[in-house]
């Protein structure tokens, strides 16, 4: 993807179109409430001790009934259960799980967000117009298993890394950029939110912000800073990262775009014809420079 102003202007336009079409985005303060609490401190590289500046969980409330009643979230949540946390442990994929992967793709393809993304990718010559073929392309992008760890079997896929999270040699958290997974892991006592990250006082986030920089530990490992969309639908994230992935043949692509009020750096790394990782980095919000 050319990192030219023109490419980013066009990308900004299409991503904002997707943002406006995202009718399954949850409303902060109504569908869920977060509690930001303290600003997280510095964690030395390789260290797994972080001062806890947030005694309470990040998510004070989430309307789980609403999640269960929105098809894309319901299928998404059932997928979260299907993956082993440790890379290097070969995934055993049952036929039922393969079916769940397909049901998730079917569900997101019924949304205006994914229809718009598909139309854009066809126009740009990156995706087949045929719906069945496009679903196959999505499947290969997100669900095809590959070796992330050289010593093991086929142990990872884009969906798992980005949405579920994995650990590398039991020392480092990789992925876990999704708020639904964060909430569920927090609820089960596996995630401990340590505080938000911001450069200075004027950049303190709001509790209705849809993108946050967070510090947390997961099953004993610390993530010094991880960015996450909050309250955003699964289809929006899939659409956003699929577009950036397919529009570039680079091993690593990074684009800066303004989506709604958020200045974001969106990073996507390629693993053959699949997504290796993808995540947002919040640069500023409401014209606050982070």
Protein backbone atom coordinates (compact mmCIF):
# COMPACT_ATOMS: atom_id res chain seq x y z
CA UNK A 1 0.00 0.00 0.00
CA UNK A 2 1.53 3.27 -1.04
CA UNK A 3 2.05 5.33 2.06
CA UNK A 4 1.05 8.39 0.07
CA UNK A 5 -1.39 11.00 1.28
CA UNK A 6 -3.77 10.00 -1.51
CA UNK A 7 -3.89 6.32 -0.49
CA UNK A 8 -4.47 7.29 3.12
CA UNK A 9 -7.16 9.81 2.20
CA UNK A 10 -9.03 7.13 0.30
CA UNK A 11 -8.52 4.63 3.11
CA UNK A 12 -9.69 7.18 5.68
CA UNK A 13 -12.82 7.71 3.61
CA UNK A 14 -13.70 4.02 3.34
CA UNK A 15 -12.92 3.29 7.02
CA UNK A 16 -15.15 6.16 8.13
CA UNK A 17 -17.88 4.80 5.88
CA UNK A 18 -17.52 1.45 7.69
CA UNK A 19 -17.59 3.27 11.06
CA UNK A 20 -20.91 4.93 10.18
CA UNK A 21 -22.36 1.63 8.97
CA UNK A 22 -21.41 -0.20 12.18
CA UNK A 23 -24.88 -0.52 13.66
CA UNK A 24 -23.72 -3.27 16.04
CA UNK A 25 -21.26 -0.99 17.83
CA UNK A 26 -22.26 -0.84 21.49
CA UNK A 27 -23.07 2.41 23.26
CA UNK A 28 -20.75 3.36 26.12
CA UNK A 29 -22.57 4.07 29.36
CA UNK A 30 -25.64 2.15 28.13
CA UNK A 31 -24.59 -1.22 26.72
CA UNK A 32 -21.37 -1.30 28.73
CA UNK A 33 -19.45 0.80 31.25
CA UNK A 34 -15.71 0.97 31.74
CA UNK A 35 -13.73 2.20 34.72
CA UNK A 36 -10.39 3.71 33.64
CA UNK A 37 -9.01 4.38 37.15
CA UNK A 38 -5.24 5.09 37.35
CA UNK A 39 -2.61 5.80 34.73
CA UNK A 40 -0.33 2.77 34.32
CA UNK A 41 3.39 3.05 34.95
CA UNK A 42 6.52 1.96 33.12
CA UNK A 43 7.28 -1.74 32.79
CA UNK A 44 10.87 -2.72 31.94
CA UNK A 45 11.20 -4.90 28.82
CA UNK A 46 10.95 -8.58 29.71
CA UNK A 47 9.58 -7.82 33.18
CA UNK A 48 6.37 -9.41 34.38
CA UNK A 49 5.76 -7.18 37.34
CA UNK A 50 3.60 -4.12 36.91
CA UNK A 51 2.22 -1.85 39.59
CA UNK A 52 -1.55 -2.21 39.70
CA UNK A 53 -3.02 1.28 39.39
CA UNK A 54 -6.53 -0.02 38.81
CA UNK A 55 -7.96 -2.01 41.70
CA UNK A 56 -11.26 -2.68 39.93
CA UNK A 57 -11.77 -4.34 36.54
CA UNK A 58 -11.77 -2.25 33.35
CA UNK A 59 -15.30 -3.41 32.52
CA UNK A 60 -17.76 -2.41 35.23
CA UNK A 61 -20.72 -3.69 33.20
CA UNK A 62 -21.43 -5.33 29.85
CA UNK A 63 -24.91 -6.21 28.63
CA UNK A 64 -24.22 -9.86 27.82
CA UNK A 65 -27.82 -10.47 26.78
CA UNK A 66 -27.36 -7.91 24.02
CA UNK A 67 -24.15 -9.63 22.87
CA UNK A 68 -25.88 -13.01 22.75
CA UNK A 69 -28.70 -11.56 20.71
CA UNK A 70 -26.51 -10.00 18.02
CA UNK A 71 -25.61 -12.77 15.59
CA UNK A 72 -22.05 -11.65 14.84
CA UNK A 73 -21.11 -11.32 18.53
CA UNK A 74 -22.77 -14.66 19.39
CA UNK A 75 -20.75 -16.51 16.72
CA UNK A 76 -17.62 -14.55 17.63
CA UNK A 77 -17.88 -15.56 21.31
CA UNK A 78 -18.29 -19.24 20.39
CA UNK A 79 -15.06 -18.98 18.32
CA UNK A 80 -13.09 -17.55 21.25
CA UNK A 81 -13.48 -20.86 23.09
CA UNK A 82 -11.98 -22.90 20.27
CA UNK A 83 -8.32 -21.96 20.50
CA UNK A 84 -5.47 -23.19 22.69
CA UNK A 85 -3.62 -20.33 24.34
CA UNK A 86 -0.07 -21.58 23.86
CA UNK A 87 1.63 -21.29 20.48
CA UNK A 88 3.60 -24.41 19.72
CA UNK A 89 0.65 -26.58 20.79
CA UNK A 90 -0.83 -27.94 17.57
CA UNK A 91 -4.43 -26.89 17.13
CA UNK A 92 -6.82 -29.78 16.70
CA UNK A 93 -9.62 -28.46 14.58
CA UNK A 94 -12.85 -30.43 14.80
CA UNK A 95 -15.42 -30.38 12.00
CA UNK A 96 -17.73 -28.56 14.41
CA UNK A 97 -15.12 -25.81 14.82
CA UNK A 98 -14.63 -25.54 11.06
CA UNK A 99 -18.38 -25.10 10.81
CA UNK A 100 -18.28 -22.36 13.49
CA UNK A 101 -15.57 -20.50 11.53
CA UNK A 102 -17.85 -20.59 8.48
CA UNK A 103 -20.93 -19.53 10.44
CA UNK A 104 -19.02 -16.51 11.74
CA UNK A 105 -18.04 -15.52 8.18
CA UNK A 106 -21.63 -16.05 7.00
CA UNK A 107 -22.92 -13.85 9.85
CA UNK A 108 -20.50 -10.96 9.25
CA UNK A 109 -21.20 -11.07 5.50
CA UNK A 110 -24.85 -10.26 6.23
CA UNK A 111 -23.81 -6.91 7.74
CA UNK A 112 -23.65 -3.60 5.87
CA UNK A 113 -20.08 -3.14 7.17
CA UNK A 114 -18.76 -6.27 5.43
CA UNK A 115 -20.85 -5.70 2.29
CA UNK A 116 -19.27 -2.26 1.99
CA UNK A 117 -15.76 -3.68 2.57
CA UNK A 118 -16.39 -6.37 -0.07
CA UNK A 119 -17.63 -3.82 -2.60
CA UNK A 120 -14.55 -1.64 -2.01
CA UNK A 121 -12.12 -4.58 -2.36
CA UNK A 122 -13.82 -5.71 -5.61
CA UNK A 123 -13.57 -2.15 -6.96
CA UNK A 124 -9.85 -2.13 -6.10
CA UNK A 125 -9.33 -5.49 -7.84
CA UNK A 126 -8.26 -7.24 -4.61
CA UNK A 127 -11.25 -9.55 -4.07
CA UNK A 128 -13.56 -11.68 -6.21
CA UNK A 129 -17.07 -10.29 -6.74
CA UNK A 130 -18.53 -13.77 -6.20
CA UNK A 131 -19.70 -14.02 -2.58
CA UNK A 132 -18.68 -17.66 -2.12
CA UNK A 133 -15.17 -16.95 -3.42
CA UNK A 134 -14.86 -13.86 -1.22
CA UNK A 135 -15.85 -15.93 1.84
CA UNK A 136 -13.10 -18.41 0.91
CA UNK A 137 -10.62 -15.51 0.71
CA UNK A 138 -11.76 -14.31 4.17
CA UNK A 139 -11.41 -17.84 5.50
CA UNK A 140 -7.83 -18.14 4.22
CA UNK A 141 -6.96 -14.68 5.56
CA UNK A 142 -8.25 -15.28 9.08
CA UNK A 143 -8.63 -19.02 9.75
CA UNK A 144 -6.01 -20.92 7.79
CA UNK A 145 -3.65 -22.54 10.32
CA UNK A 146 0.08 -21.92 10.01
CA UNK A 147 3.30 -22.50 11.97
CA UNK A 148 4.05 -19.49 14.14
CA UNK A 149 6.48 -21.46 16.29
CA UNK A 150 9.13 -23.30 14.23
CA UNK A 151 9.37 -26.21 16.65
CA UNK A 152 5.72 -27.21 16.58
CA UNK A 153 2.85 -28.08 14.29
CA UNK A 154 0.29 -25.79 12.73
CA UNK A 155 -0.36 -23.81 15.84
CA UNK A 156 -1.83 -20.45 14.94
CA UNK A 157 -4.08 -18.45 12.67
CA UNK A 158 -4.79 -14.76 12.22
CA UNK A 159 -8.09 -14.88 14.09
CA UNK A 160 -6.52 -16.55 17.09
CA UNK A 161 -3.61 -14.16 17.34
CA UNK A 162 -5.59 -10.96 16.88
CA UNK A 163 -8.80 -11.73 18.72
CA UNK A 164 -8.00 -14.51 21.19
CA UNK A 165 -4.38 -13.82 22.18
CA UNK A 166 -1.48 -16.24 22.56
CA UNK A 167 1.67 -16.57 24.62
CA UNK A 168 5.13 -16.94 23.18
CA UNK A 169 7.35 -19.44 25.06
CA UNK A 170 5.31 -18.61 28.18
CA UNK A 171 7.12 -15.26 28.37
CA UNK A 172 5.23 -12.74 26.32
CA UNK A 173 1.63 -11.97 25.42
CA UNK A 174 0.98 -11.75 21.71
CA UNK A 175 -2.27 -10.42 20.33
CA UNK A 176 -5.29 -10.11 22.65
CA UNK A 177 -6.41 -6.84 21.07
CA UNK A 178 -10.14 -7.52 21.29
CA UNK A 179 -12.40 -6.00 23.92
CA UNK A 180 -14.94 -8.87 24.08
CA UNK A 181 -12.15 -11.36 24.78
CA UNK A 182 -10.60 -8.92 27.27
CA UNK A 183 -13.94 -8.61 29.08
CA UNK A 184 -14.53 -12.40 29.17
CA UNK A 185 -10.97 -13.12 30.34
CA UNK A 186 -11.30 -10.40 32.99
CA UNK A 187 -14.61 -11.87 34.16
CA UNK A 188 -12.98 -15.30 34.54
CA UNK A 189 -10.12 -13.83 36.55
CA UNK A 190 -7.44 -14.39 33.88
CA UNK A 191 -6.91 -10.73 32.94
CA UNK A 192 -5.94 -8.05 35.46
CA UNK A 193 -6.26 -4.50 34.16
CA UNK A 194 -3.41 -2.33 35.52
CA UNK A 195 -4.41 1.10 34.19
CA UNK A 196 -4.59 3.18 31.02
CA UNK A 197 -1.57 4.49 29.12
CA UNK A 198 -1.30 8.16 28.15
CA UNK A 199 1.63 10.48 27.61
CA UNK A 200 0.47 13.25 29.91
CA UNK A 201 -2.52 14.71 31.76
CA UNK A 202 -4.15 16.42 28.81
CA UNK A 203 -4.31 13.04 27.05
CA UNK A 204 -6.30 11.30 29.76
CA UNK A 205 -8.86 9.12 27.96
CA UNK A 206 -12.62 9.34 28.50
CA UNK A 207 -14.86 6.45 29.49
CA UNK A 208 -16.78 6.77 26.23
CA UNK A 209 -13.65 6.49 24.05
CA UNK A 210 -13.85 3.65 21.52
CA UNK A 211 -10.06 3.17 21.34
CA UNK A 212 -7.79 2.85 24.39
CA UNK A 213 -4.16 2.13 25.23
CA UNK A 214 -4.12 -0.30 28.15
CA UNK A 215 -1.70 -2.10 30.44
CA UNK A 216 -2.74 -5.49 31.78
CA UNK A 217 -1.57 -8.94 32.81
CA UNK A 218 -2.99 -12.14 31.35
CA UNK A 219 -2.45 -15.45 33.13
CA UNK A 220 0.55 -13.96 34.93
CA UNK A 221 2.23 -12.29 31.92
CA UNK A 222 2.30 -8.50 31.56
CA UNK A 223 1.45 -6.56 28.40
CA UNK A 224 3.11 -3.15 29.06
CA UNK A 225 0.87 -1.43 26.50
CA UNK A 226 -1.80 -2.85 24.23
CA UNK A 227 -4.25 -0.88 22.13
CA UNK A 228 -7.79 -2.01 21.72
CA UNK A 229 -11.02 -0.91 20.10
CA UNK A 230 -13.73 -0.82 22.79
CA UNK A 231 -17.41 -1.55 22.05
CA UNK A 232 -16.70 -2.03 18.34
CA UNK A 233 -18.38 -4.92 16.50
CA UNK A 234 -16.35 -7.95 15.35
CA UNK A 235 -17.34 -7.26 11.73
CA UNK A 236 -15.88 -3.73 11.88
CA UNK A 237 -12.48 -5.04 13.03
CA UNK A 238 -12.49 -7.85 10.45
CA UNK A 239 -13.45 -5.38 7.67
CA UNK A 240 -10.84 -2.81 8.68
CA UNK A 241 -7.92 -5.23 8.92
CA UNK A 242 -8.96 -7.27 5.86
CA UNK A 243 -8.91 -4.12 3.72
CA UNK A 244 -5.45 -3.08 4.93
CA UNK A 245 -4.14 -6.64 4.54
CA UNK A 246 -5.45 -7.16 1.00
CA UNK A 247 -4.46 -3.71 -0.21
CA UNK A 248 -0.80 -4.37 0.56
CA UNK A 249 1.68 -7.09 -0.35
CA UNK A 250 4.24 -5.92 2.22
CA UNK A 251 5.33 -8.17 5.08
CA UNK A 252 4.36 -5.36 7.46
CA UNK A 253 2.00 -2.52 6.66
CA UNK A 254 1.41 0.50 8.84
CA UNK A 255 -1.01 3.29 7.91
CA UNK A 256 -2.08 6.39 9.79
CA UNK A 257 -5.76 7.25 9.40
CA UNK A 258 -8.36 9.31 11.21
CA UNK A 259 -11.43 7.23 12.03
CA UNK A 260 -14.21 9.20 13.68
CA UNK A 261 -12.34 11.33 16.28
CA UNK A 262 -9.39 8.93 16.61
CA UNK A 263 -6.02 9.33 14.93
CA UNK A 264 -4.86 5.74 14.58
CA UNK A 265 -1.88 3.85 13.31
CA UNK A 266 -3.16 0.55 11.97
CA UNK A 267 -0.57 -2.21 11.77
CA UNK A 268 -0.98 -5.45 9.82
CA UNK A 269 1.68 -8.15 9.47
CA UNK A 270 1.46 -10.84 6.82
CA UNK A 271 2.11 -14.56 7.28
CA UNK A 272 2.02 -15.87 3.69
CA UNK A 273 -1.54 -15.38 2.46
CA UNK A 274 -2.88 -15.00 6.00
CA UNK A 275 -2.86 -12.29 8.65
CA UNK A 276 -0.03 -12.77 11.14
CA UNK A 277 -1.11 -9.95 13.42
CA UNK A 278 -3.05 -6.71 13.24
CA UNK A 279 -3.79 -4.05 15.80
CA UNK A 280 -4.65 -0.38 16.23
CA UNK A 281 -2.32 2.09 17.95
CA UNK A 282 -4.06 5.16 19.32
CA UNK A 283 -2.06 8.26 18.44
CA UNK A 284 -4.56 10.89 19.54
CA UNK A 285 -8.24 11.41 20.21
CA UNK A 286 -10.44 14.54 20.20
CA UNK A 287 -7.34 16.34 18.88
CA UNK A 288 -5.47 15.35 22.04
CA UNK A 289 -1.88 14.48 21.13
CA UNK A 290 -0.84 11.33 22.91
